[in-house]
Amino acid sequence: MPGEWPAMTRRQWTLVAVITVSALGLVNARYHERRLYTQMDRVDRISQKLDSDIEVLQVELTALRNPGRIDAAARRDLKMVPLKATETLYYMPSGSPSSARSGP
């Protein structure tokens, strides 16, 4: 009959199936690509935040290690005072060689 489509051969059906599977595979690959890109972007943002947190913590550590701060805290909180040379005490147990020195 004129105007009707000719019957599709086995080879044509196979070609249609291959093209359909290929198109579905392409859609799936693009979907996974977008998912991985957003995940990578999220990881980059987290990495940048962690880098800035490290810098802040290093600045805080430097401030905490300041000898003047430690000295002030020792004086204020622990009521410590600097040691003077005249206040130095030496412990020498009796019977030790240094205590049994003979005079000149």
Protein backbone atom coordinates (compact mmCIF):
# COMPACT_ATOMS: atom_id res chain seq x y z
CA MET A 1 0.00 0.00 0.00
CA PRO A 2 1.33 3.39 -0.84
CA GLY A 3 1.82 5.77 2.10
CA GLU A 4 2.50 3.07 4.67
CA TRP A 5 5.83 2.75 6.36
CA PRO A 6 7.74 -0.31 5.28
CA ALA A 7 8.18 -2.93 7.96
CA MET A 8 11.30 -2.47 10.07
CA THR A 9 13.91 -5.12 9.69
CA ARG A 10 15.70 -6.84 12.48
CA ARG A 11 18.80 -4.77 11.83
CA GLN A 12 16.86 -1.51 12.16
CA TRP A 13 15.30 -2.60 15.47
CA THR A 14 18.75 -3.46 16.79
CA LEU A 15 20.00 -0.02 15.76
CA VAL A 16 17.07 1.69 17.50
CA ALA A 17 17.74 -0.32 20.68
CA VAL A 18 21.46 0.53 20.64
CA ILE A 19 20.75 4.25 20.13
CA THR A 20 18.16 4.21 22.95
CA VAL A 21 20.54 2.47 25.37
CA SER A 22 23.30 4.88 24.38
CA ALA A 23 21.06 7.91 25.01
CA LEU A 24 20.02 6.55 28.41
CA GLY A 25 23.67 5.93 29.28
CA LEU A 26 24.53 9.50 28.30
CA VAL A 27 21.74 10.90 30.50
CA ASN A 28 22.93 8.74 33.40
CA ALA A 29 26.55 9.85 32.91
CA ARG A 30 25.54 13.53 32.88
CA TYR A 31 23.51 13.05 36.06
CA HIS A 32 26.46 11.47 37.86
CA GLU A 33 28.77 14.18 36.52
CA ARG A 34 26.54 16.89 38.04
CA ARG A 35 26.36 15.03 41.35
CA LEU A 36 30.14 14.64 41.50
CA TYR A 37 30.67 18.30 40.56
CA THR A 38 28.40 19.53 43.36
CA GLN A 39 30.08 17.16 45.82
CA MET A 40 33.52 18.39 44.74
CA ASP A 41 32.36 22.00 45.10
CA ARG A 42 31.08 21.26 48.62
CA VAL A 43 34.39 19.62 49.56
CA ASP A 44 36.30 22.65 48.22
CA ARG A 45 34.20 25.01 50.37
CA ILE A 46 34.77 22.83 53.45
CA SER A 47 38.50 22.75 52.71
CA GLN A 48 38.65 26.54 52.46
CA LYS A 49 36.76 26.87 55.75
CA LEU A 50 39.15 24.45 57.45
CA ASP A 51 42.14 26.37 56.10
CA SER A 52 40.78 29.61 57.55
CA ASP A 53 40.04 27.84 60.85
CA ILE A 54 43.65 26.62 60.98
CA GLU A 55 44.92 30.16 60.45
CA VAL A 56 42.67 31.48 63.24
CA LEU A 57 43.81 28.73 65.61
CA GLN A 58 47.47 29.42 64.82
CA VAL A 59 46.97 33.11 65.65
CA GLU A 60 45.26 32.15 68.92
CA LEU A 61 48.07 29.73 69.76
CA THR A 62 50.65 32.42 69.14
CA ALA A 63 48.76 34.75 71.48
CA LEU A 64 48.51 32.04 74.14
CA ARG A 65 52.22 31.28 73.93
CA ASN A 66 53.13 34.92 74.63
CA PRO A 67 55.59 34.90 77.57
CA GLY A 68 54.15 38.14 78.93
CA ARG A 69 50.71 36.57 79.15
CA ILE A 70 52.09 33.53 80.95
CA ASP A 71 54.04 35.74 83.38
CA ALA A 72 50.98 37.88 84.12
CA ALA A 73 48.81 34.80 84.68
CA ALA A 74 51.41 33.32 87.06
CA ARG A 75 51.53 36.54 89.09
CA ARG A 76 47.77 37.12 89.09
CA ASP A 77 46.29 33.62 89.43
CA LEU A 78 49.05 31.74 91.23
CA LYS A 79 50.38 34.70 93.26
CA MET A 80 53.92 33.93 92.10
CA VAL A 81 56.74 36.45 92.45
CA PRO A 82 60.08 36.56 90.65
CA LEU A 83 62.90 34.78 92.43
CA LYS A 84 65.75 36.91 93.77
CA ALA A 85 69.30 35.68 94.07
CA THR A 86 69.35 36.43 97.80
CA GLU A 87 66.32 34.21 98.36
CA THR A 88 67.80 31.14 96.72
CA LEU A 89 67.95 28.09 98.97
CA TYR A 90 70.11 25.08 98.33
CA TYR A 91 69.28 21.69 99.76
CA MET A 92 72.25 19.59 100.78
CA PRO A 93 71.38 16.39 102.57
CA SER A 94 73.53 15.52 105.56
CA GLY A 95 76.21 13.00 104.75
CA SER A 96 76.56 14.08 101.13
CA PRO A 97 80.09 14.74 99.84
CA SER A 98 79.38 18.42 99.28
CA SER A 99 78.41 18.98 102.94
CA ALA A 100 81.53 17.21 104.27
CA ARG A 101 83.99 19.65 102.72
CA SER A 102 87.13 20.37 104.58
CA GLY A 103 87.99 23.99 105.06
CA PRO A 104 91.15 25.64 103.64
